[in-house]
């Protein structure tokens, strides 16, 4: 990851965490312009869309994050929770949680959520 992309991500996280979602998206977009292969940028954009209630966009961006990096377990967990709690798609949620557990059988959060499916 480039230093510039990292700087944009850090500013985006600060803005996201303080509820300044439009500005956070601008920073994440700038980071993506610098490093379009960085899965964490897509993950964070997905979370911003979740926080703003744009749930379909939330899922689109989280799906992109796990395509770019199938080992991004946090993005997979967030995607599973979106599938489960927003769309009621327990099958897709289970797929994501099972993949997390395939990669990390002791993953506490995945083990905690999969029992509800």
PDB file of N, CA and C in Angstrom:
ATOM      1  N   UNK A   1       0.845  -1.170   0.000  1.00  0.00           N
ATOM      2  CA  UNK A   1       0.000   0.000   0.000  1.00  0.00           C
ATOM      3  C   UNK A   1       0.898   1.244   0.000  1.00  0.00           C
ATOM      4  N   UNK A   2       0.497   2.214  -0.788  1.00  0.00           N
ATOM      5  CA  UNK A   2       1.282   3.442  -0.848  1.00  0.00           C
ATOM      6  C   UNK A   2       1.081   4.256   0.427  1.00  0.00           C
ATOM      7  N   UNK A   3       2.065   5.097   0.733  1.00  0.00           N
ATOM      8  CA  UNK A   3       1.940   5.975   1.903  1.00  0.00           C
ATOM      9  C   UNK A   3       0.741   6.896   1.763  1.00  0.00           C
ATOM     10  N   UNK A   4       0.506   7.382   0.556  1.00  0.00           N
ATOM     11  CA  UNK A   4      -0.620   8.275   0.317  1.00  0.00           C
ATOM     12  C   UNK A   4      -1.945   7.564   0.584  1.00  0.00           C
ATOM     13  N   UNK A   5      -2.076   6.337   0.103  1.00  0.00           N
ATOM     14  CA  UNK A   5      -3.304   5.575   0.349  1.00  0.00           C
ATOM     15  C   UNK A   5      -3.498   5.346   1.843  1.00  0.00           C
ATOM     16  N   UNK A   6      -2.411   5.003   2.540  1.00  0.00           N
ATOM     17  CA  UNK A   6      -2.494   4.785   3.989  1.00  0.00           C
ATOM     18  C   UNK A   6      -2.940   6.060   4.704  1.00  0.00           C
ATOM     19  N   UNK A   7      -2.414   7.202   4.288  1.00  0.00           N
ATOM     20  CA  UNK A   7      -2.817   8.482   4.896  1.00  0.00           C
ATOM     21  C   UNK A   7      -4.308   8.740   4.682  1.00  0.00           C
ATOM     22  N   UNK A   8      -4.792   8.481   3.473  1.00  0.00           N
ATOM     23  CA  UNK A   8      -6.220   8.678   3.186  1.00  0.00           C
ATOM     24  C   UNK A   8      -7.087   7.721   4.008  1.00  0.00           C
ATOM     25  N   UNK A   9      -6.637   6.486   4.152  1.00  0.00           N
ATOM     26  CA  UNK A   9      -7.394   5.517   4.948  1.00  0.00           C
ATOM     27  C   UNK A   9      -7.477   5.974   6.400  1.00  0.00           C
ATOM     28  N   UNK A  10      -6.353   6.410   6.948  1.00  0.00           N
ATOM     29  CA  UNK A  10      -6.342   6.859   8.339  1.00  0.00           C
ATOM     30  C   UNK A  10      -7.268   8.051   8.543  1.00  0.00           C
ATOM     31  N   UNK A  11      -7.236   9.017   7.623  1.00  0.00           N
ATOM     32  CA  UNK A  11      -8.152  10.163   7.730  1.00  0.00           C
ATOM     33  C   UNK A  11      -9.600   9.703   7.556  1.00  0.00           C
ATOM     34  N   UNK A  12      -9.824   8.778   6.616  1.00  0.00           N
ATOM     35  CA  UNK A  12     -11.167   8.247   6.404  1.00  0.00           C
ATOM     36  C   UNK A  12     -11.706   7.556   7.643  1.00  0.00           C
ATOM     37  N   UNK A  13     -10.866   6.793   8.322  1.00  0.00           N
ATOM     38  CA  UNK A  13     -11.291   6.112   9.542  1.00  0.00           C
ATOM     39  C   UNK A  13     -11.661   7.113  10.634  1.00  0.00           C
ATOM     40  N   UNK A  14     -10.844   8.142  10.782  1.00  0.00           N
ATOM     41  CA  UNK A  14     -11.147   9.178  11.773  1.00  0.00           C
ATOM     42  C   UNK A  14     -12.489   9.840  11.464  1.00  0.00           C
ATOM     43  N   UNK A  15     -12.708  10.167  10.199  1.00  0.00           N
ATOM     44  CA  UNK A  15     -13.962  10.806   9.795  1.00  0.00           C
ATOM     45  C   UNK A  15     -15.144   9.858   9.975  1.00  0.00           C
ATOM     46  N   UNK A  16     -14.971   8.608   9.580  1.00  0.00           N
ATOM     47  CA  UNK A  16     -16.045   7.618   9.741  1.00  0.00           C
ATOM     48  C   UNK A  16     -16.403   7.467  11.209  1.00  0.00           C
ATOM     49  N   UNK A  17     -15.392   7.350  12.047  1.00  0.00           N
ATOM     50  CA  UNK A  17     -15.628   7.137  13.471  1.00  0.00           C
ATOM     51  C   UNK A  17     -16.261   8.347  14.154  1.00  0.00           C
ATOM     52  N   UNK A  18     -16.136   9.514  13.543  1.00  0.00           N
ATOM     53  CA  UNK A  18     -16.773  10.710  14.111  1.00  0.00           C
ATOM     54  C   UNK A  18     -18.092  11.038  13.407  1.00  0.00           C
ATOM     55  N   UNK A  19     -18.556  10.126  12.540  1.00  0.00           N
ATOM     56  CA  UNK A  19     -19.850  10.305  11.905  1.00  0.00           C
ATOM     57  C   UNK A  19     -19.864  11.221  10.693  1.00  0.00           C
ATOM     58  N   UNK A  20     -18.702  11.572  10.189  1.00  0.00           N
ATOM     59  CA  UNK A  20     -18.600  12.437   9.013  1.00  0.00           C
ATOM     60  C   UNK A  20     -18.461  11.555   7.772  1.00  0.00           C
ATOM     61  N   UNK A  21     -19.572  10.939   7.400  1.00  0.00           N
ATOM     62  CA  UNK A  21     -19.541   9.875   6.406  1.00  0.00           C
ATOM     63  C   UNK A  21     -19.233  10.356   4.994  1.00  0.00           C
ATOM     64  N   UNK A  22     -19.762  11.497   4.583  1.00  0.00           N
ATOM     65  CA  UNK A  22     -19.470  11.991   3.233  1.00  0.00           C
ATOM     66  C   UNK A  22     -17.977  12.278   3.076  1.00  0.00           C
ATOM     67  N   UNK A  23     -17.403  12.912   4.077  1.00  0.00           N
ATOM     68  CA  UNK A  23     -15.973  13.211   4.023  1.00  0.00           C
ATOM     69  C   UNK A  23     -15.145  11.930   4.091  1.00  0.00           C
ATOM     70  N   UNK A  24     -15.609  10.957   4.881  1.00  0.00           N
ATOM     71  CA  UNK A  24     -14.903   9.675   4.960  1.00  0.00           C
ATOM     72  C   UNK A  24     -14.887   8.997   3.594  1.00  0.00           C
ATOM     73  N   UNK A  25     -16.045   9.006   2.914  1.00  0.00           N
ATOM     74  CA  UNK A  25     -16.097   8.403   1.576  1.00  0.00           C
ATOM     75  C   UNK A  25     -15.121   9.089   0.626  1.00  0.00           C
ATOM     76  N   UNK A  26     -14.990  10.404   0.725  1.00  0.00           N
ATOM     77  CA  UNK A  26     -14.033  11.127  -0.127  1.00  0.00           C
ATOM     78  C   UNK A  26     -12.611  10.646   0.136  1.00  0.00           C
ATOM     79  N   UNK A  27     -12.267  10.464   1.403  1.00  0.00           N
ATOM     80  CA  UNK A  27     -10.917   9.987   1.740  1.00  0.00           C
ATOM     81  C   UNK A  27     -10.703   8.558   1.253  1.00  0.00           C
ATOM     82  N   UNK A  28     -11.696   7.708   1.446  1.00  0.00           N
ATOM     83  CA  UNK A  28     -11.549   6.319   0.983  1.00  0.00           C
ATOM     84  C   UNK A  28     -11.471   6.261  -0.538  1.00  0.00           C
ATOM     85  N   UNK A  29     -12.210   7.118  -1.210  1.00  0.00           N
ATOM     86  CA  UNK A  29     -12.133   7.162  -2.676  1.00  0.00           C
ATOM     87  C   UNK A  29     -10.737   7.600  -3.119  1.00  0.00           C
ATOM     88  N   UNK A  30     -10.182   8.587  -2.435  1.00  0.00           N
ATOM     89  CA  UNK A  30      -8.823   9.029  -2.754  1.00  0.00           C
ATOM     90  C   UNK A  30      -7.824   7.902  -2.504  1.00  0.00           C
ATOM     91  N   UNK A  31      -8.035   7.146  -1.436  1.00  0.00           N
ATOM     92  CA  UNK A  31      -7.155   6.003  -1.163  1.00  0.00           C
ATOM     93  C   UNK A  31      -7.276   4.965  -2.266  1.00  0.00           C
ATOM     94  N   UNK A  32      -8.504   4.734  -2.727  1.00  0.00           N
ATOM     95  CA  UNK A  32      -8.725   3.749  -3.789  1.00  0.00           C
ATOM     96  C   UNK A  32      -8.089   4.212  -5.093  1.00  0.00           C
ATOM     97  N   UNK A  33      -8.099   5.507  -5.348  1.00  0.00           N
ATOM     98  CA  UNK A  33      -7.422   6.034  -6.536  1.00  0.00           C
ATOM     99  C   UNK A  33      -5.924   5.740  -6.485  1.00  0.00           C
ATOM    100  N   UNK A  34      -5.351   5.800  -5.270  1.00  0.00           N
ATOM    101  CA  UNK A  34      -3.930   5.530  -5.095  1.00  0.00           C
ATOM    102  C   UNK A  34      -3.604   4.039  -5.101  1.00  0.00           C
ATOM    103  N   UNK A  35      -4.528   3.228  -4.579  1.00  0.00           N
ATOM    104  CA  UNK A  35      -4.264   1.797  -4.441  1.00  0.00           C
ATOM    105  C   UNK A  35      -5.569   1.010  -4.613  1.00  0.00           C
ATOM    106  N   UNK A  36      -6.008   0.819  -5.861  1.00  0.00           N
ATOM    107  CA  UNK A  36      -7.295   0.156  -6.103  1.00  0.00           C
ATOM    108  C   UNK A  36      -7.340  -1.319  -5.709  1.00  0.00           C
ATOM    109  N   UNK A  37      -6.226  -1.912  -5.369  1.00  0.00           N
ATOM    110  CA  UNK A  37      -6.202  -3.327  -4.993  1.00  0.00           C
ATOM    111  C   UNK A  37      -6.242  -3.535  -3.480  1.00  0.00           C
ATOM    112  N   UNK A  38      -6.419  -2.478  -2.717  1.00  0.00           N
ATOM    113  CA  UNK A  38      -6.428  -2.584  -1.256  1.00  0.00           C
ATOM    114  C   UNK A  38      -7.832  -2.935  -0.767  1.00  0.00           C
ATOM    115  N   UNK A  39      -8.006  -4.161  -0.329  1.00  0.00           N
ATOM    116  CA  UNK A  39      -9.322  -4.649   0.104  1.00  0.00           C
ATOM    117  C   UNK A  39      -9.897  -3.868   1.273  1.00  0.00           C
ATOM    118  N   UNK A  40      -9.054  -3.372   2.159  1.00  0.00           N
ATOM    119  CA  UNK A  40      -9.563  -2.684   3.342  1.00  0.00           C
ATOM    120  C   UNK A  40     -10.286  -1.391   2.981  1.00  0.00           C
ATOM    121  N   UNK A  41      -9.915  -0.779   1.883  1.00  0.00           N
ATOM    122  CA  UNK A  41     -10.636   0.416   1.428  1.00  0.00           C
ATOM    123  C   UNK A  41     -12.080   0.046   1.098  1.00  0.00           C
ATOM    124  N   UNK A  42     -12.270  -1.034   0.377  1.00  0.00           N
ATOM    125  CA  UNK A  42     -13.613  -1.481  -0.003  1.00  0.00           C
ATOM    126  C   UNK A  42     -14.418  -1.859   1.240  1.00  0.00           C
ATOM    127  N   UNK A  43     -13.756  -2.504   2.186  1.00  0.00           N
ATOM    128  CA  UNK A  43     -14.394  -2.876   3.443  1.00  0.00           C
ATOM    129  C   UNK A  43     -14.904  -1.626   4.161  1.00  0.00           C
ATOM    130  N   UNK A  44     -14.059  -0.627   4.266  1.00  0.00           N
ATOM    131  CA  UNK A  44     -14.446   0.593   4.981  1.00  0.00           C
ATOM    132  C   UNK A  44     -15.553   1.357   4.249  1.00  0.00           C
ATOM    133  N   UNK A  45     -15.503   1.384   2.934  1.00  0.00           N
ATOM    134  CA  UNK A  45     -16.585   2.022   2.176  1.00  0.00           C
ATOM    135  C   UNK A  45     -17.890   1.282   2.444  1.00  0.00           C
ATOM    136  N   UNK A  46     -17.837  -0.044   2.475  1.00  0.00           N
ATOM    137  CA  UNK A  46     -19.021  -0.827   2.798  1.00  0.00           C
ATOM    138  C   UNK A  46     -19.587  -0.476   4.163  1.00  0.00           C
ATOM    139  N   UNK A  47     -18.715  -0.289   5.138  1.00  0.00           N
ATOM    140  CA  UNK A  47     -19.181   0.070   6.477  1.00  0.00           C
ATOM    141  C   UNK A  47     -19.827   1.459   6.492  1.00  0.00           C
ATOM    142  N   UNK A  48     -19.247   2.393   5.754  1.00  0.00           N
ATOM    143  CA  UNK A  48     -19.854   3.730   5.676  1.00  0.00           C
ATOM    144  C   UNK A  48     -21.269   3.619   5.123  1.00  0.00           C
ATOM    145  N   UNK A  49     -21.434   2.835   4.079  1.00  0.00           N
ATOM    146  CA  UNK A  49     -22.772   2.674   3.511  1.00  0.00           C
ATOM    147  C   UNK A  49     -23.722   1.997   4.501  1.00  0.00           C
ATOM    148  N   UNK A  50     -23.218   1.100   5.304  1.00  0.00           N
ATOM    149  CA  UNK A  50     -24.052   0.502   6.349  1.00  0.00           C
ATOM    150  C   UNK A  50     -24.517   1.579   7.327  1.00  0.00           C
ATOM    151  N   UNK A  51     -23.574   2.390   7.784  1.00  0.00           N
ATOM    152  CA  UNK A  51     -23.899   3.418   8.782  1.00  0.00           C
ATOM    153  C   UNK A  51     -24.850   4.474   8.234  1.00  0.00           C
ATOM    154  N   UNK A  52     -24.849   4.671   6.919  1.00  0.00           N
ATOM    155  CA  UNK A  52     -25.756   5.664   6.327  1.00  0.00           C
ATOM    156  C   UNK A  52     -27.066   5.042   5.858  1.00  0.00           C
ATOM    157  N   UNK A  53     -27.240   3.754   6.103  1.00  0.00           N
ATOM    158  CA  UNK A  53     -28.491   3.089   5.755  1.00  0.00           C
ATOM    159  C   UNK A  53     -28.616   2.699   4.298  1.00  0.00           C
ATOM    160  N   UNK A  54     -27.523   2.749   3.556  1.00  0.00           N
ATOM    161  CA  UNK A  54     -27.523   2.355   2.146  1.00  0.00           C
ATOM    162  C   UNK A  54     -27.058   0.898   2.067  1.00  0.00           C
ATOM    163  N   UNK A  55     -27.983   0.007   2.439  1.00  0.00           N
ATOM    164  CA  UNK A  55     -27.617  -1.377   2.693  1.00  0.00           C
ATOM    165  C   UNK A  55     -27.238  -2.158   1.440  1.00  0.00           C
ATOM    166  N   UNK A  56     -27.869  -1.869   0.320  1.00  0.00           N
ATOM    167  CA  UNK A  56     -27.477  -2.572  -0.902  1.00  0.00           C
ATOM    168  C   UNK A  56     -26.053  -2.203  -1.295  1.00  0.00           C
ATOM    169  N   UNK A  57     -25.707  -0.923  -1.168  1.00  0.00           N
ATOM    170  CA  UNK A  57     -24.328  -0.489  -1.445  1.00  0.00           C
ATOM    171  C   UNK A  57     -23.373  -1.117  -0.443  1.00  0.00           C
ATOM    172  N   UNK A  58     -23.804  -1.198   0.798  1.00  0.00           N
ATOM    173  CA  UNK A  58     -22.998  -1.823   1.845  1.00  0.00           C
ATOM    174  C   UNK A  58     -22.555  -3.213   1.409  1.00  0.00           C
ATOM    175  N   UNK A  59     -23.494  -4.023   0.937  1.00  0.00           N
ATOM    176  CA  UNK A  59     -23.188  -5.394   0.537  1.00  0.00           C
ATOM    177  C   UNK A  59     -22.310  -5.419  -0.711  1.00  0.00           C
ATOM    178  N   UNK A  60     -22.587  -4.556  -1.668  1.00  0.00           N
ATOM    179  CA  UNK A  60     -21.778  -4.514  -2.894  1.00  0.00           C
ATOM    180  C   UNK A  60     -20.311  -4.285  -2.549  1.00  0.00           C
ATOM    181  N   UNK A  61     -20.031  -3.336  -1.678  1.00  0.00           N
ATOM    182  CA  UNK A  61     -18.641  -3.004  -1.343  1.00  0.00           C
ATOM    183  C   UNK A  61     -17.991  -4.072  -0.480  1.00  0.00           C
ATOM    184  N   UNK A  62     -18.749  -4.661   0.441  1.00  0.00           N
ATOM    185  CA  UNK A  62     -18.177  -5.742   1.241  1.00  0.00           C
ATOM    186  C   UNK A  62     -17.872  -6.955   0.377  1.00  0.00           C
ATOM    187  N   UNK A  63     -18.746  -7.244  -0.582  1.00  0.00           N
ATOM    188  CA  UNK A  63     -18.467  -8.354  -1.508  1.00  0.00           C
ATOM    189  C   UNK A  63     -17.198  -8.087  -2.302  1.00  0.00           C
ATOM    190  N   UNK A  64     -16.991  -6.847  -2.732  1.00  0.00           N
ATOM    191  CA  UNK A  64     -15.763  -6.515  -3.463  1.00  0.00           C
ATOM    192  C   UNK A  64     -14.539  -6.744  -2.581  1.00  0.00           C
ATOM    193  N   UNK A  65     -14.645  -6.379  -1.308  1.00  0.00           N
ATOM    194  CA  UNK A  65     -13.510  -6.553  -0.389  1.00  0.00           C
ATOM    195  C   UNK A  65     -13.110  -8.017  -0.283  1.00  0.00           C
ATOM    196  N   UNK A  66     -14.088  -8.922  -0.176  1.00  0.00           N
ATOM    197  CA  UNK A  66     -13.730 -10.337  -0.016  1.00  0.00           C
ATOM    198  C   UNK A  66     -13.318 -10.982  -1.336  1.00  0.00           C
ATOM    199  N   UNK A  67     -13.732 -10.409  -2.460  1.00  0.00           N
ATOM    200  CA  UNK A  67     -13.227 -10.903  -3.750  1.00  0.00           C
ATOM    201  C   UNK A  67     -11.752 -10.522  -3.887  1.00  0.00           C
ATOM    202  N   UNK A  68     -11.426  -9.297  -3.527  1.00  0.00           N
ATOM    203  CA  UNK A  68     -10.038  -8.839  -3.627  1.00  0.00           C
ATOM    204  C   UNK A  68      -9.147  -9.625  -2.666  1.00  0.00           C
ATOM    205  N   UNK A  69      -9.642  -9.834  -1.456  1.00  0.00           N
ATOM    206  CA  UNK A  69      -8.847 -10.565  -0.464  1.00  0.00           C
ATOM    207  C   UNK A  69      -9.751 -11.548   0.290  1.00  0.00           C
ATOM    208  N   UNK A  70      -9.803 -12.776  -0.170  1.00  0.00           N
ATOM    209  CA  UNK A  70     -10.643 -13.783   0.484  1.00  0.00           C
ATOM    210  C   UNK A  70     -10.263 -14.051   1.939  1.00  0.00           C
ATOM    211  N   UNK A  71      -9.101 -13.604   2.363  1.00  0.00           N
ATOM    212  CA  UNK A  71      -8.653 -13.797   3.745  1.00  0.00           C
ATOM    213  C   UNK A  71      -9.014 -12.640   4.667  1.00  0.00           C
ATOM    214  N   UNK A  72      -9.744 -11.661   4.159  1.00  0.00           N
ATOM    215  CA  UNK A  72     -10.175 -10.550   5.008  1.00  0.00           C
ATOM    216  C   UNK A  72     -11.376 -11.033   5.831  1.00  0.00           C
ATOM    217  N   UNK A  73     -11.074 -11.614   6.975  1.00  0.00           N
ATOM    218  CA  UNK A  73     -12.106 -12.252   7.787  1.00  0.00           C
ATOM    219  C   UNK A  73     -13.075 -11.243   8.384  1.00  0.00           C
ATOM    220  N   UNK A  74     -12.593 -10.076   8.736  1.00  0.00           N
ATOM    221  CA  UNK A  74     -13.489  -9.055   9.295  1.00  0.00           C
ATOM    222  C   UNK A  74     -14.507  -8.613   8.249  1.00  0.00           C
ATOM    223  N   UNK A  75     -14.072  -8.441   7.013  1.00  0.00           N
ATOM    224  CA  UNK A  75     -15.019  -8.080   5.945  1.00  0.00           C
ATOM    225  C   UNK A  75     -16.031  -9.194   5.750  1.00  0.00           C
ATOM    226  N   UNK A  76     -15.593 -10.452   5.837  1.00  0.00           N
ATOM    227  CA  UNK A  76     -16.515 -11.587   5.704  1.00  0.00           C
ATOM    228  C   UNK A  76     -17.544 -11.595   6.842  1.00  0.00           C
ATOM    229  N   UNK A  77     -17.097 -11.314   8.045  1.00  0.00           N
ATOM    230  CA  UNK A  77     -18.021 -11.257   9.183  1.00  0.00           C
ATOM    231  C   UNK A  77     -19.041 -10.138   8.964  1.00  0.00           C
ATOM    232  N   UNK A  78     -18.566  -8.961   8.575  1.00  0.00           N
ATOM    233  CA  UNK A  78     -19.479  -7.835   8.336  1.00  0.00           C
ATOM    234  C   UNK A  78     -20.455  -8.150   7.211  1.00  0.00           C
ATOM    235  N   UNK A  79     -19.980  -8.821   6.177  1.00  0.00           N
ATOM    236  CA  UNK A  79     -20.844  -9.222   5.075  1.00  0.00           C
ATOM    237  C   UNK A  79     -21.901 -10.227   5.559  1.00  0.00           C
ATOM    238  N   UNK A  80     -21.484 -11.189   6.345  1.00  0.00           N
ATOM    239  CA  UNK A  80     -22.426 -12.168   6.892  1.00  0.00           C
ATOM    240  C   UNK A  80     -23.494 -11.488   7.739  1.00  0.00           C
ATOM    241  N   UNK A  81     -23.083 -10.539   8.569  1.00  0.00           N
ATOM    242  CA  UNK A  81     -24.044  -9.839   9.421  1.00  0.00           C
ATOM    243  C   UNK A  81     -25.021  -9.018   8.584  1.00  0.00           C
ATOM    244  N   UNK A  82     -24.529  -8.431   7.504  1.00  0.00           N
ATOM    245  CA  UNK A  82     -25.426  -7.692   6.619  1.00  0.00           C
ATOM    246  C   UNK A  82     -26.425  -8.625   5.952  1.00  0.00           C
ATOM    247  N   UNK A  83     -25.932  -9.739   5.433  1.00  0.00           N
ATOM    248  CA  UNK A  83     -26.830 -10.711   4.815  1.00  0.00           C
ATOM    249  C   UNK A  83     -27.906 -11.155   5.820  1.00  0.00           C
ATOM    250  N   UNK A  84     -27.472 -11.448   7.031  1.00  0.00           N
ATOM    251  CA  UNK A  84     -28.355 -12.021   8.036  1.00  0.00           C
ATOM    252  C   UNK A  84     -29.344 -10.986   8.577  1.00  0.00           C
ATOM    253  N   UNK A  85     -28.841  -9.869   9.055  1.00  0.00           N
ATOM    254  CA  UNK A  85     -29.691  -8.945   9.787  1.00  0.00           C
ATOM    255  C   UNK A  85     -30.467  -7.986   8.900  1.00  0.00           C
ATOM    256  N   UNK A  86     -29.937  -7.651   7.747  1.00  0.00           N
ATOM    257  CA  UNK A  86     -30.610  -6.679   6.884  1.00  0.00           C
ATOM    258  C   UNK A  86     -31.487  -7.370   5.854  1.00  0.00           C
ATOM    259  N   UNK A  87     -30.938  -8.393   5.221  1.00  0.00           N
ATOM    260  CA  UNK A  87     -31.640  -9.030   4.113  1.00  0.00           C
ATOM    261  C   UNK A  87     -32.285 -10.359   4.490  1.00  0.00           C
ATOM    262  N   UNK A  88     -31.998 -10.858   5.675  1.00  0.00           N
ATOM    263  CA  UNK A  88     -32.573 -12.134   6.089  1.00  0.00           C
ATOM    264  C   UNK A  88     -32.112 -13.308   5.246  1.00  0.00           C
ATOM    265  N   UNK A  89     -30.959 -13.163   4.619  1.00  0.00           N
ATOM    266  CA  UNK A  89     -30.425 -14.226   3.758  1.00  0.00           C
ATOM    267  C   UNK A  89     -29.449 -15.074   4.576  1.00  0.00           C
ATOM    268  N   UNK A  90     -30.027 -15.988   5.334  1.00  0.00           N
ATOM    269  CA  UNK A  90     -29.210 -16.813   6.217  1.00  0.00           C
ATOM    270  C   UNK A  90     -28.287 -17.755   5.473  1.00  0.00           C
ATOM    271  N   UNK A  91     -28.666 -18.178   4.271  1.00  0.00           N
ATOM    272  CA  UNK A  91     -27.797 -19.066   3.495  1.00  0.00           C
ATOM    273  C   UNK A  91     -26.493 -18.364   3.124  1.00  0.00           C
ATOM    274  N   UNK A  92     -26.612 -17.137   2.626  1.00  0.00           N
ATOM    275  CA  UNK A  92     -25.393 -16.392   2.273  1.00  0.00           C
ATOM    276  C   UNK A  92     -24.582 -16.048   3.521  1.00  0.00           C
ATOM    277  N   UNK A  93     -25.270 -15.732   4.601  1.00  0.00           N
ATOM    278  CA  UNK A  93     -24.570 -15.440   5.856  1.00  0.00           C
ATOM    279  C   UNK A  93     -23.792 -16.663   6.317  1.00  0.00           C
ATOM    280  N   UNK A  94     -24.445 -17.818   6.265  1.00  0.00           N
ATOM    281  CA  UNK A  94     -23.785 -19.060   6.677  1.00  0.00           C
ATOM    282  C   UNK A  94     -22.556 -19.335   5.814  1.00  0.00           C
ATOM    283  N   UNK A  95     -22.660 -19.124   4.500  1.00  0.00           N
ATOM    284  CA  UNK A  95     -21.511 -19.345   3.610  1.00  0.00           C
ATOM    285  C   UNK A  95     -20.312 -18.517   4.060  1.00  0.00           C
ATOM    286  N   UNK A  96     -20.556 -17.245   4.370  1.00  0.00           N
ATOM    287  CA  UNK A  96     -19.457 -16.379   4.791  1.00  0.00           C
ATOM    288  C   UNK A  96     -18.873 -16.831   6.126  1.00  0.00           C
ATOM    289  N   UNK A  97     -19.731 -17.154   7.072  1.00  0.00           N
ATOM    290  CA  UNK A  97     -19.248 -17.581   8.385  1.00  0.00           C
ATOM    291  C   UNK A  97     -18.516 -18.915   8.296  1.00  0.00           C
ATOM    292  N   UNK A  98     -19.014 -19.822   7.467  1.00  0.00           N
ATOM    293  CA  UNK A  98     -18.311 -21.102   7.289  1.00  0.00           C
ATOM    294  C   UNK A  98     -16.936 -20.903   6.677  1.00  0.00           C
ATOM    295  N   UNK A  99     -16.825 -19.950   5.752  1.00  0.00           N
ATOM    296  CA  UNK A  99     -15.511 -19.681   5.158  1.00  0.00           C
ATOM    297  C   UNK A  99     -14.564 -19.082   6.195  1.00  0.00           C
ATOM    298  N   UNK A 100     -15.074 -18.205   7.038  1.00  0.00           N
ATOM    299  CA  UNK A 100     -14.240 -17.667   8.119  1.00  0.00           C
ATOM    300  C   UNK A 100     -13.744 -18.820   8.994  1.00  0.00           C
ATOM    301  N   UNK A 101     -14.648 -19.722   9.353  1.00  0.00           N
ATOM    302  CA  UNK A 101     -14.274 -20.834  10.231  1.00  0.00           C
ATOM    303  C   UNK A 101     -13.377 -21.845   9.524  1.00  0.00           C
ATOM    304  N   UNK A 102     -13.498 -21.964   8.219  1.00  0.00           N
ATOM    305  CA  UNK A 102     -12.569 -22.819   7.471  1.00  0.00           C
ATOM    306  C   UNK A 102     -11.155 -22.263   7.581  1.00  0.00           C
ATOM    307  N   UNK A 103     -11.043 -20.929   7.500  1.00  0.00           N
ATOM    308  CA  UNK A 103      -9.731 -20.289   7.573  1.00  0.00           C
ATOM    309  C   UNK A 103      -9.211 -20.181   9.006  1.00  0.00           C
ATOM    310  N   UNK A 104     -10.143 -20.028   9.946  1.00  0.00           N
ATOM    311  CA  UNK A 104      -9.768 -19.864  11.355  1.00  0.00           C
ATOM    312  C   UNK A 104     -10.837 -20.531  12.225  1.00  0.00           C
ATOM    313  N   UNK A 105     -10.693 -21.845  12.476  1.00  0.00           N
ATOM    314  CA  UNK A 105     -11.725 -22.582  13.207  1.00  0.00           C
ATOM    315  C   UNK A 105     -12.048 -22.028  14.597  1.00  0.00           C
ATOM    316  N   UNK A 106     -11.141 -21.300  15.187  1.00  0.00           N
ATOM    317  CA  UNK A 106     -11.387 -20.768  16.534  1.00  0.00           C
ATOM    318  C   UNK A 106     -11.863 -19.314  16.511  1.00  0.00           C
ATOM    319  N   UNK A 107     -12.222 -18.809  15.335  1.00  0.00           N
ATOM    320  CA  UNK A 107     -12.654 -17.410  15.227  1.00  0.00           C
ATOM    321  C   UNK A 107     -13.879 -17.180  16.108  1.00  0.00           C
ATOM    322  N   UNK A 108     -13.692 -16.414  17.162  1.00  0.00           N
ATOM    323  CA  UNK A 108     -14.726 -16.244  18.186  1.00  0.00           C
ATOM    324  C   UNK A 108     -16.017 -15.633  17.639  1.00  0.00           C
ATOM    325  N   UNK A 109     -15.902 -14.579  16.865  1.00  0.00           N
ATOM    326  CA  UNK A 109     -17.101 -13.896  16.367  1.00  0.00           C
ATOM    327  C   UNK A 109     -17.899 -14.784  15.407  1.00  0.00           C
ATOM    328  N   UNK A 110     -17.207 -15.481  14.515  1.00  0.00           N
ATOM    329  CA  UNK A 110     -17.895 -16.373  13.578  1.00  0.00           C
ATOM    330  C   UNK A 110     -18.594 -17.504  14.327  1.00  0.00           C
ATOM    331  N   UNK A 111     -17.922 -18.067  15.309  1.00  0.00           N
ATOM    332  CA  UNK A 111     -18.533 -19.137  16.107  1.00  0.00           C
ATOM    333  C   UNK A 111     -19.742 -18.632  16.882  1.00  0.00           C
ATOM    334  N   UNK A 112     -19.682 -17.406  17.340  1.00  0.00           N
ATOM    335  CA  UNK A 112     -20.796 -16.824  18.093  1.00  0.00           C
ATOM    336  C   UNK A 112     -22.014 -16.607  17.203  1.00  0.00           C
ATOM    337  N   UNK A 113     -21.807 -16.183  15.947  1.00  0.00           N
ATOM    338  CA  UNK A 113     -22.933 -15.868  15.056  1.00  0.00           C
ATOM    339  C   UNK A 113     -23.504 -17.081  14.345  1.00  0.00           C
ATOM    340  N   UNK A 114     -22.669 -18.057  14.043  1.00  0.00           N
ATOM    341  CA  UNK A 114     -23.154 -19.176  13.218  1.00  0.00           C
ATOM    342  C   UNK A 114     -24.211 -20.015  13.947  1.00  0.00           C
ATOM    343  N   UNK A 115     -24.218 -19.980  15.240  1.00  0.00           N
ATOM    344  CA  UNK A 115     -25.216 -20.776  15.995  1.00  0.00           C
ATOM    345  C   UNK A 115     -26.631 -20.266  15.766  1.00  0.00           C
ATOM    346  N   UNK A 116     -26.780 -19.037  15.289  1.00  0.00           N
ATOM    347  CA  UNK A 116     -28.109 -18.473  15.045  1.00  0.00           C
ATOM    348  C   UNK A 116     -28.648 -18.811  13.664  1.00  0.00           C
ATOM    349  N   UNK A 117     -27.855 -19.498  12.854  1.00  0.00           N
ATOM    350  CA  UNK A 117     -28.268 -19.809  11.482  1.00  0.00           C
ATOM    351  C   UNK A 117     -28.694 -21.252  11.320  1.00  0.00           C
TER     352      UNK A 117
END
